[in-house]
Amino acid sequence: TFSPKYSISDSTLATAQDTIYNGLINVKSYFDLSSYK
């Protein structure tokens, strides 16, 4: 499964993906996604 119809906007999706990527590439123990709903 690659590309379902997300309930969030494309811009929110892109920003959320960046937040996840940055958290993982920097080996964070936790990060916040609450604002993306």
PDB file of all heavy atoms in Angstrom:
ATOM      1  N   THR A   1       0.858  -1.182   0.000  1.00  0.00           N
ATOM      2  CA  THR A   1       0.000   0.000   0.000  1.00  0.00           C
ATOM      3  C   THR A   1       0.891   1.228   0.000  1.00  0.00           C
ATOM      4  O   THR A   1       1.713   1.396   0.885  1.00  0.00           O
ATOM      5  CB  THR A   1      -0.920   0.032   1.230  1.00  0.00           C
ATOM      6  OG1 THR A   1      -1.658  -1.181   1.285  1.00  0.00           O
ATOM      7  CG2 THR A   1      -1.888   1.190   1.128  1.00  0.00           C
ATOM      8  N   PHE A   2       0.748   2.072  -0.998  1.00  0.00           N
ATOM      9  CA  PHE A   2       1.625   3.223  -1.121  1.00  0.00           C
ATOM     10  C   PHE A   2       0.913   4.548  -0.921  1.00  0.00           C
ATOM     11  O   PHE A   2       1.333   5.380  -0.143  1.00  0.00           O
ATOM     12  CB  PHE A   2       2.281   3.237  -2.517  1.00  0.00           C
ATOM     13  CG  PHE A   2       3.249   2.117  -2.752  1.00  0.00           C
ATOM     14  CD1 PHE A   2       2.872   0.996  -3.453  1.00  0.00           C
ATOM     15  CD2 PHE A   2       4.546   2.204  -2.275  1.00  0.00           C
ATOM     16  CE1 PHE A   2       3.781  -0.032  -3.679  1.00  0.00           C
ATOM     17  CE2 PHE A   2       5.458   1.188  -2.497  1.00  0.00           C
ATOM     18  CZ  PHE A   2       5.071   0.070  -3.196  1.00  0.00           C
ATOM     19  N   SER A   3      -0.168   4.774  -1.638  1.00  0.00           N
ATOM     20  CA  SER A   3      -0.732   6.114  -1.745  1.00  0.00           C
ATOM     21  C   SER A   3      -2.240   6.147  -1.536  1.00  0.00           C
ATOM     22  O   SER A   3      -3.011   6.321  -2.483  1.00  0.00           O
ATOM     23  CB  SER A   3      -0.379   6.698  -3.118  1.00  0.00           C
ATOM     24  OG  SER A   3       0.993   6.609  -3.353  1.00  0.00           O
ATOM     25  N   PRO A   4      -2.695   5.983  -0.326  1.00  0.00           N
ATOM     26  CA  PRO A   4      -4.143   6.114  -0.092  1.00  0.00           C
ATOM     27  C   PRO A   4      -4.531   7.584  -0.096  1.00  0.00           C
ATOM     28  O   PRO A   4      -3.682   8.471  -0.191  1.00  0.00           O
ATOM     29  CB  PRO A   4      -4.300   5.519   1.303  1.00  0.00           C
ATOM     30  CG  PRO A   4      -3.006   5.844   1.979  1.00  0.00           C
ATOM     31  CD  PRO A   4      -1.957   5.745   0.915  1.00  0.00           C
ATOM     32  N   LYS A   5      -5.794   7.845  -0.002  1.00  0.00           N
ATOM     33  CA  LYS A   5      -6.275   9.219   0.107  1.00  0.00           C
ATOM     34  C   LYS A   5      -6.243   9.615   1.575  1.00  0.00           C
ATOM     35  O   LYS A   5      -7.078   9.206   2.371  1.00  0.00           O
ATOM     36  CB  LYS A   5      -7.691   9.333  -0.467  1.00  0.00           C
ATOM     37  CG  LYS A   5      -7.752   9.108  -1.971  1.00  0.00           C
ATOM     38  CD  LYS A   5      -9.188   9.260  -2.491  1.00  0.00           C
ATOM     39  CE  LYS A   5      -9.230   9.053  -3.996  1.00  0.00           C
ATOM     40  NZ  LYS A   5     -10.618   9.168  -4.540  1.00  0.00           N
ATOM     41  N   TYR A   6      -5.236  10.415   1.922  1.00  0.00           N
ATOM     42  CA  TYR A   6      -5.081  10.833   3.306  1.00  0.00           C
ATOM     43  C   TYR A   6      -6.136  11.887   3.659  1.00  0.00           C
ATOM     44  O   TYR A   6      -6.565  12.671   2.802  1.00  0.00           O
ATOM     45  CB  TYR A   6      -3.690  11.409   3.547  1.00  0.00           C
ATOM     46  CG  TYR A   6      -2.575  10.402   3.419  1.00  0.00           C
ATOM     47  CD1 TYR A   6      -1.678  10.456   2.356  1.00  0.00           C
ATOM     48  CD2 TYR A   6      -2.415   9.398   4.362  1.00  0.00           C
ATOM     49  CE1 TYR A   6      -0.647   9.538   2.243  1.00  0.00           C
ATOM     50  CE2 TYR A   6      -1.390   8.482   4.258  1.00  0.00           C
ATOM     51  CZ  TYR A   6      -0.511   8.544   3.200  1.00  0.00           C
ATOM     52  OH  TYR A   6       0.506   7.641   3.078  1.00  0.00           O
ATOM     53  N   SER A   7      -6.487  11.926   4.922  1.00  0.00           N
ATOM     54  CA  SER A   7      -7.448  12.931   5.391  1.00  0.00           C
ATOM     55  C   SER A   7      -6.782  14.281   5.602  1.00  0.00           C
ATOM     56  O   SER A   7      -7.449  15.302   5.701  1.00  0.00           O
ATOM     57  CB  SER A   7      -8.099  12.466   6.698  1.00  0.00           C
ATOM     58  OG  SER A   7      -7.121  12.306   7.713  1.00  0.00           O
ATOM     59  N   ILE A   8      -5.444  14.294   5.673  1.00  0.00           N
ATOM     60  CA  ILE A   8      -4.719  15.551   5.856  1.00  0.00           C
ATOM     61  C   ILE A   8      -4.324  16.109   4.484  1.00  0.00           C
ATOM     62  O   ILE A   8      -4.289  15.389   3.492  1.00  0.00           O
ATOM     63  CB  ILE A   8      -3.465  15.352   6.728  1.00  0.00           C
ATOM     64  CG1 ILE A   8      -2.541  14.288   6.122  1.00  0.00           C
ATOM     65  CG2 ILE A   8      -3.867  14.956   8.145  1.00  0.00           C
ATOM     66  CD1 ILE A   8      -1.264  14.060   6.893  1.00  0.00           C
ATOM     67  N   SER A   9      -4.029  17.400   4.453  1.00  0.00           N
ATOM     68  CA  SER A   9      -3.673  18.053   3.193  1.00  0.00           C
ATOM     69  C   SER A   9      -2.285  17.622   2.744  1.00  0.00           C
ATOM     70  O   SER A   9      -1.481  17.106   3.526  1.00  0.00           O
ATOM     71  CB  SER A   9      -3.709  19.571   3.360  1.00  0.00           C
ATOM     72  OG  SER A   9      -2.672  19.984   4.237  1.00  0.00           O
ATOM     73  N   ASP A  10      -1.981  17.879   1.482  1.00  0.00           N
ATOM     74  CA  ASP A  10      -0.669  17.523   0.940  1.00  0.00           C
ATOM     75  C   ASP A  10       0.454  18.282   1.657  1.00  0.00           C
ATOM     76  O   ASP A  10       1.523  17.731   1.908  1.00  0.00           O
ATOM     77  CB  ASP A  10      -0.615  17.822  -0.559  1.00  0.00           C
ATOM     78  CG  ASP A  10      -1.469  16.868  -1.375  1.00  0.00           C
ATOM     79  OD1 ASP A  10      -1.839  15.803  -0.837  1.00  0.00           O
ATOM     80  OD2 ASP A  10      -1.773  17.189  -2.540  1.00  0.00           O
ATOM     81  N   SER A  11       0.223  19.544   1.950  1.00  0.00           N
ATOM     82  CA  SER A  11       1.252  20.343   2.628  1.00  0.00           C
ATOM     83  C   SER A  11       1.501  19.833   4.040  1.00  0.00           C
ATOM     84  O   SER A  11       2.650  19.757   4.494  1.00  0.00           O
ATOM     85  CB  SER A  11       0.854  21.822   2.654  1.00  0.00           C
ATOM     86  OG  SER A  11      -0.376  21.997   3.335  1.00  0.00           O
ATOM     87  N   THR A  12       0.404  19.456   4.730  1.00  0.00           N
ATOM     88  CA  THR A  12       0.556  18.884   6.077  1.00  0.00           C
ATOM     89  C   THR A  12       1.273  17.547   6.009  1.00  0.00           C
ATOM     90  O   THR A  12       2.139  17.240   6.843  1.00  0.00           O
ATOM     91  CB  THR A  12      -0.817  18.713   6.739  1.00  0.00           C
ATOM     92  OG1 THR A  12      -1.450  19.987   6.849  1.00  0.00           O
ATOM     93  CG2 THR A  12      -0.676  18.105   8.127  1.00  0.00           C
ATOM     94  N   LEU A  13       0.933  16.739   5.008  1.00  0.00           N
ATOM     95  CA  LEU A  13       1.591  15.446   4.820  1.00  0.00           C
ATOM     96  C   LEU A  13       3.091  15.638   4.620  1.00  0.00           C
ATOM     97  O   LEU A  13       3.910  14.945   5.245  1.00  0.00           O
ATOM     98  CB  LEU A  13       0.982  14.723   3.625  1.00  0.00           C
ATOM     99  CG  LEU A  13       1.682  13.439   3.173  1.00  0.00           C
ATOM    100  CD1 LEU A  13       1.627  12.381   4.270  1.00  0.00           C
ATOM    101  CD2 LEU A  13       1.056  12.911   1.888  1.00  0.00           C
ATOM    102  N   ALA A  14       3.475  16.578   3.747  1.00  0.00           N
ATOM    103  CA  ALA A  14       4.887  16.810   3.461  1.00  0.00           C
ATOM    104  C   ALA A  14       5.640  17.260   4.715  1.00  0.00           C
ATOM    105  O   ALA A  14       6.754  16.798   4.991  1.00  0.00           O
ATOM    106  CB  ALA A  14       5.032  17.852   2.355  1.00  0.00           C
ATOM    107  N   THR A  15       5.013  18.149   5.485  1.00  0.00           N
ATOM    108  CA  THR A  15       5.660  18.636   6.710  1.00  0.00           C
ATOM    109  C   THR A  15       5.780  17.525   7.745  1.00  0.00           C
ATOM    110  O   THR A  15       6.799  17.399   8.430  1.00  0.00           O
ATOM    111  CB  THR A  15       4.870  19.818   7.303  1.00  0.00           C
ATOM    112  OG1 THR A  15       4.660  20.798   6.288  1.00  0.00           O
ATOM    113  CG2 THR A  15       5.629  20.451   8.455  1.00  0.00           C
ATOM    114  N   ALA A  16       4.731  16.708   7.872  1.00  0.00           N
ATOM    115  CA  ALA A  16       4.772  15.586   8.808  1.00  0.00           C
ATOM    116  C   ALA A  16       5.849  14.585   8.409  1.00  0.00           C
ATOM    117  O   ALA A  16       6.586  14.061   9.267  1.00  0.00           O
ATOM    118  CB  ALA A  16       3.407  14.911   8.858  1.00  0.00           C
ATOM    119  N   GLN A  17       5.970  14.312   7.112  1.00  0.00           N
ATOM    120  CA  GLN A  17       7.017  13.405   6.638  1.00  0.00           C
ATOM    121  C   GLN A  17       8.400  13.943   6.983  1.00  0.00           C
ATOM    122  O   GLN A  17       9.283  13.180   7.407  1.00  0.00           O
ATOM    123  CB  GLN A  17       6.885  13.199   5.128  1.00  0.00           C
ATOM    124  CG  GLN A  17       5.682  12.360   4.719  1.00  0.00           C
ATOM    125  CD  GLN A  17       5.465  12.360   3.215  1.00  0.00           C
ATOM    126  OE1 GLN A  17       5.744  13.342   2.526  1.00  0.00           O
ATOM    127  NE2 GLN A  17       4.959  11.250   2.695  1.00  0.00           N
ATOM    128  N   ASP A  18       8.599  15.247   6.814  1.00  0.00           N
ATOM    129  CA  ASP A  18       9.884  15.862   7.161  1.00  0.00           C
ATOM    130  C   ASP A  18      10.172  15.725   8.647  1.00  0.00           C
ATOM    131  O   ASP A  18      11.316  15.447   9.049  1.00  0.00           O
ATOM    132  CB  ASP A  18       9.890  17.345   6.772  1.00  0.00           C
ATOM    133  CG  ASP A  18       9.978  17.555   5.270  1.00  0.00           C
ATOM    134  OD1 ASP A  18      10.354  16.602   4.558  1.00  0.00           O
ATOM    135  OD2 ASP A  18       9.650  18.671   4.811  1.00  0.00           O
ATOM    136  N   THR A  19       9.141  15.919   9.474  1.00  0.00           N
ATOM    137  CA  THR A  19       9.320  15.804  10.927  1.00  0.00           C
ATOM    138  C   THR A  19       9.709  14.374  11.299  1.00  0.00           C
ATOM    139  O   THR A  19      10.616  14.157  12.114  1.00  0.00           O
ATOM    140  CB  THR A  19       8.033  16.209  11.659  1.00  0.00           C
ATOM    141  OG1 THR A  19       7.704  17.559  11.335  1.00  0.00           O
ATOM    142  CG2 THR A  19       8.202  16.083  13.161  1.00  0.00           C
ATOM    143  N   ILE A  20       9.042  13.402  10.711  1.00  0.00           N
ATOM    144  CA  ILE A  20       9.368  11.997  10.985  1.00  0.00           C
ATOM    145  C   ILE A  20      10.789  11.681  10.530  1.00  0.00           C
ATOM    146  O   ILE A  20      11.579  11.078  11.265  1.00  0.00           O
ATOM    147  CB  ILE A  20       8.351  11.065  10.294  1.00  0.00           C
ATOM    148  CG1 ILE A  20       6.965  11.233  10.916  1.00  0.00           C
ATOM    149  CG2 ILE A  20       8.800   9.603  10.389  1.00  0.00           C
ATOM    150  CD1 ILE A  20       5.857  10.527  10.157  1.00  0.00           C
ATOM    151  N   TYR A  21      11.115  12.117   9.302  1.00  0.00           N
ATOM    152  CA  TYR A  21      12.446  11.830   8.765  1.00  0.00           C
ATOM    153  C   TYR A  21      13.534  12.453   9.645  1.00  0.00           C
ATOM    154  O   TYR A  21      14.529  11.793   9.999  1.00  0.00           O
ATOM    155  CB  TYR A  21      12.569  12.361   7.340  1.00  0.00           C
ATOM    156  CG  TYR A  21      13.955  12.167   6.760  1.00  0.00           C
ATOM    157  CD1 TYR A  21      14.327  10.953   6.198  1.00  0.00           C
ATOM    158  CD2 TYR A  21      14.893  13.210   6.798  1.00  0.00           C
ATOM    159  CE1 TYR A  21      15.602  10.773   5.681  1.00  0.00           C
ATOM    160  CE2 TYR A  21      16.168  13.028   6.288  1.00  0.00           C
ATOM    161  CZ  TYR A  21      16.515  11.806   5.729  1.00  0.00           C
ATOM    162  OH  TYR A  21      17.783  11.620   5.238  1.00  0.00           O
ATOM    163  N   ASN A  22      13.374  13.720   9.992  1.00  0.00           N
ATOM    164  CA  ASN A  22      14.382  14.398  10.806  1.00  0.00           C
ATOM    165  C   ASN A  22      14.533  13.761  12.174  1.00  0.00           C
ATOM    166  O   ASN A  22      15.643  13.668  12.712  1.00  0.00           O
ATOM    167  CB  ASN A  22      14.033  15.885  10.950  1.00  0.00           C
ATOM    168  CG  ASN A  22      14.214  16.648   9.648  1.00  0.00           C
ATOM    169  OD1 ASN A  22      15.077  16.318   8.849  1.00  0.00           O
ATOM    170  ND2 ASN A  22      13.388  17.669   9.423  1.00  0.00           N
ATOM    171  N   GLY A  23      13.410  13.307  12.745  1.00  0.00           N
ATOM    172  CA  GLY A  23      13.488  12.622  14.030  1.00  0.00           C
ATOM    173  C   GLY A  23      14.267  11.324  13.935  1.00  0.00           C
ATOM    174  O   GLY A  23      15.078  10.994  14.810  1.00  0.00           O
ATOM    175  N   LEU A  24      14.047  10.571  12.844  1.00  0.00           N
ATOM    176  CA  LEU A  24      14.698   9.272  12.691  1.00  0.00           C
ATOM    177  C   LEU A  24      16.151   9.394  12.256  1.00  0.00           C
ATOM    178  O   LEU A  24      17.008   8.645  12.733  1.00  0.00           O
ATOM    179  CB  LEU A  24      13.913   8.425  11.684  1.00  0.00           C
ATOM    180  CG  LEU A  24      12.477   8.082  12.079  1.00  0.00           C
ATOM    181  CD1 LEU A  24      11.795   7.295  10.965  1.00  0.00           C
ATOM    182  CD2 LEU A  24      12.425   7.308  13.387  1.00  0.00           C
ATOM    183  N   ILE A  25      16.447  10.324  11.365  1.00  0.00           N
ATOM    184  CA  ILE A  25      17.826  10.468  10.899  1.00  0.00           C
ATOM    185  C   ILE A  25      18.725  10.966  12.020  1.00  0.00           C
ATOM    186  O   ILE A  25      19.933  10.691  12.059  1.00  0.00           O
ATOM    187  CB  ILE A  25      17.917  11.405   9.671  1.00  0.00           C
ATOM    188  CG1 ILE A  25      19.238  11.184   8.917  1.00  0.00           C
ATOM    189  CG2 ILE A  25      17.771  12.854  10.068  1.00  0.00           C
ATOM    190  CD1 ILE A  25      19.368   9.860   8.247  1.00  0.00           C
ATOM    191  N   ASN A  26      18.132  11.699  12.979  1.00  0.00           N
ATOM    192  CA  ASN A  26      18.886  12.186  14.137  1.00  0.00           C
ATOM    193  C   ASN A  26      18.751  11.261  15.347  1.00  0.00           C
ATOM    194  O   ASN A  26      19.171  11.614  16.447  1.00  0.00           O
ATOM    195  CB  ASN A  26      18.434  13.601  14.495  1.00  0.00           C
ATOM    196  CG  ASN A  26      18.842  14.623  13.444  1.00  0.00           C
ATOM    197  OD1 ASN A  26      20.030  14.784  13.159  1.00  0.00           O
ATOM    198  ND2 ASN A  26      17.874  15.294  12.844  1.00  0.00           N
ATOM    199  N   VAL A  27      18.151  10.100  15.121  1.00  0.00           N
ATOM    200  CA  VAL A  27      18.030   9.035  16.133  1.00  0.00           C
ATOM    201  C   VAL A  27      17.400   9.581  17.420  1.00  0.00           C
ATOM    202  O   VAL A  27      17.894   9.351  18.538  1.00  0.00           O
ATOM    203  CB  VAL A  27      19.399   8.373  16.424  1.00  0.00           C
ATOM    204  CG1 VAL A  27      19.213   7.015  17.097  1.00  0.00           C
ATOM    205  CG2 VAL A  27      20.210   8.199  15.152  1.00  0.00           C
ATOM    206  N   LYS A  28      16.319  10.336  17.273  1.00  0.00           N
ATOM    207  CA  LYS A  28      15.617  10.876  18.431  1.00  0.00           C
ATOM    208  C   LYS A  28      14.857   9.779  19.165  1.00  0.00           C
ATOM    209  O   LYS A  28      14.343   8.839  18.553  1.00  0.00           O
ATOM    210  CB  LYS A  28      14.632  11.962  17.987  1.00  0.00           C
ATOM    211  CG  LYS A  28      15.278  13.174  17.331  1.00  0.00           C
ATOM    212  CD  LYS A  28      16.099  13.975  18.324  1.00  0.00           C
ATOM    213  CE  LYS A  28      16.606  15.268  17.696  1.00  0.00           C
ATOM    214  NZ  LYS A  28      17.443  16.048  18.643  1.00  0.00           N
ATOM    215  N   SER A  29      14.775   9.918  20.475  1.00  0.00           N
ATOM    216  CA  SER A  29      14.023   8.939  21.265  1.00  0.00           C
ATOM    217  C   SER A  29      12.530   9.225  21.231  1.00  0.00           C
ATOM    218  O   SER A  29      11.721   8.333  21.490  1.00  0.00           O
ATOM    219  CB  SER A  29      14.516   8.947  22.716  1.00  0.00           C
ATOM    220  OG  SER A  29      14.387  10.249  23.277  1.00  0.00           O
ATOM    221  N   TYR A  30      12.153  10.468  20.913  1.00  0.00           N
ATOM    222  CA  TYR A  30      10.737  10.815  20.722  1.00  0.00           C
ATOM    223  C   TYR A  30      10.657  12.114  19.926  1.00  0.00           C
ATOM    224  O   TYR A  30      11.603  12.895  19.861  1.00  0.00           O
ATOM    225  CB  TYR A  30      10.008  10.982  22.060  1.00  0.00           C
ATOM    226  CG  TYR A  30      10.224  12.322  22.705  1.00  0.00           C
ATOM    227  CD1 TYR A  30       9.307  13.359  22.534  1.00  0.00           C
ATOM    228  CD2 TYR A  30      11.370  12.570  23.467  1.00  0.00           C
ATOM    229  CE1 TYR A  30       9.521  14.600  23.113  1.00  0.00           C
ATOM    230  CE2 TYR A  30      11.591  13.801  24.035  1.00  0.00           C
ATOM    231  CZ  TYR A  30      10.671  14.813  23.865  1.00  0.00           C
ATOM    232  OH  TYR A  30      10.890  16.046  24.430  1.00  0.00           O
ATOM    233  N   PHE A  31       9.522  12.341  19.286  1.00  0.00           N
ATOM    234  CA  PHE A  31       9.248  13.622  18.649  1.00  0.00           C
ATOM    235  C   PHE A  31       7.742  13.828  18.586  1.00  0.00           C
ATOM    236  O   PHE A  31       6.947  12.904  18.745  1.00  0.00           O
ATOM    237  CB  PHE A  31       9.899  13.747  17.266  1.00  0.00           C
ATOM    238  CG  PHE A  31       9.704  12.571  16.358  1.00  0.00           C
ATOM    239  CD1 PHE A  31       8.603  12.473  15.518  1.00  0.00           C
ATOM    240  CD2 PHE A  31      10.651  11.554  16.322  1.00  0.00           C
ATOM    241  CE1 PHE A  31       8.442  11.399  14.667  1.00  0.00           C
ATOM    242  CE2 PHE A  31      10.501  10.471  15.471  1.00  0.00           C
ATOM    243  CZ  PHE A  31       9.389  10.387  14.638  1.00  0.00           C
ATOM    244  N   ASP A  32       7.350  15.082  18.356  1.00  0.00           N
ATOM    245  CA  ASP A  32       5.960  15.539  18.476  1.00  0.00           C
ATOM    246  C   ASP A  32       5.283  15.607  17.107  1.00  0.00           C
ATOM    247  O   ASP A  32       5.801  16.217  16.174  1.00  0.00           O
ATOM    248  CB  ASP A  32       5.979  16.926  19.129  1.00  0.00           C
ATOM    249  CG  ASP A  32       4.587  17.479  19.391  1.00  0.00           C
ATOM    250  OD1 ASP A  32       3.596  16.832  19.003  1.00  0.00           O
ATOM    251  OD2 ASP A  32       4.496  18.566  19.990  1.00  0.00           O
ATOM    252  N   LEU A  33       4.109  14.977  16.992  1.00  0.00           N
ATOM    253  CA  LEU A  33       3.300  15.069  15.771  1.00  0.00           C
ATOM    254  C   LEU A  33       1.892  15.590  16.067  1.00  0.00           C
ATOM    255  O   LEU A  33       1.015  15.529  15.208  1.00  0.00           O
ATOM    256  CB  LEU A  33       3.188  13.691  15.100  1.00  0.00           C
ATOM    257  CG  LEU A  33       4.427  13.098  14.441  1.00  0.00           C
ATOM    258  CD1 LEU A  33       4.070  11.767  13.789  1.00  0.00           C
ATOM    259  CD2 LEU A  33       5.031  14.025  13.412  1.00  0.00           C
ATOM    260  N   SER A  34       1.679  16.098  17.258  1.00  0.00           N
ATOM    261  CA  SER A  34       0.323  16.434  17.694  1.00  0.00           C
ATOM    262  C   SER A  34      -0.344  17.491  16.815  1.00  0.00           C
ATOM    263  O   SER A  34      -1.563  17.459  16.604  1.00  0.00           O
ATOM    264  CB  SER A  34       0.341  16.921  19.148  1.00  0.00           C
ATOM    265  OG  SER A  34       1.184  18.053  19.292  1.00  0.00           O
ATOM    266  N   SER A  35       0.445  18.428  16.282  1.00  0.00           N
ATOM    267  CA  SER A  35      -0.155  19.519  15.515  1.00  0.00           C
ATOM    268  C   SER A  35      -0.705  19.071  14.160  1.00  0.00           C
ATOM    269  O   SER A  35      -1.500  19.784  13.550  1.00  0.00           O
ATOM    270  CB  SER A  35       0.877  20.637  15.290  1.00  0.00           C
ATOM    271  OG  SER A  35       1.962  20.164  14.519  1.00  0.00           O
ATOM    272  N   TYR A  36      -0.298  17.875  13.682  1.00  0.00           N
ATOM    273  CA  TYR A  36      -0.713  17.428  12.349  1.00  0.00           C
ATOM    274  C   TYR A  36      -2.053  16.690  12.355  1.00  0.00           C
ATOM    275  O   TYR A  36      -2.675  16.509  11.306  1.00  0.00           O
ATOM    276  CB  TYR A  36       0.363  16.529  11.734  1.00  0.00           C
ATOM    277  CG  TYR A  36       1.719  17.183  11.683  1.00  0.00           C
ATOM    278  CD1 TYR A  36       2.805  16.629  12.361  1.00  0.00           C
ATOM    279  CD2 TYR A  36       1.911  18.363  10.974  1.00  0.00           C
ATOM    280  CE1 TYR A  36       4.043  17.223  12.329  1.00  0.00           C
ATOM    281  CE2 TYR A  36       3.156  18.969  10.937  1.00  0.00           C
ATOM    282  CZ  TYR A  36       4.222  18.391  11.616  1.00  0.00           C
ATOM    283  OH  TYR A  36       5.446  18.993  11.588  1.00  0.00           O
ATOM    284  N   LYS A  37      -2.468  16.214  13.523  1.00  0.00           N
ATOM    285  CA  LYS A  37      -3.765  15.536  13.670  1.00  0.00           C
ATOM    286  C   LYS A  37      -3.925  14.381  12.666  1.00  0.00           C
ATOM    287  O   LYS A  37      -4.906  14.292  11.920  1.00  0.00           O
ATOM    288  CB  LYS A  37      -4.917  16.534  13.527  1.00  0.00           C
ATOM    289  CG  LYS A  37      -4.927  17.613  14.609  1.00  0.00           C
ATOM    290  CD  LYS A  37      -6.082  18.578  14.426  1.00  0.00           C
ATOM    291  CE  LYS A  37      -6.157  19.564  15.587  1.00  0.00           C
ATOM    292  NZ  LYS A  37      -4.917  20.347  15.773  1.00  0.00           N
TER     293      LYS A  37
END
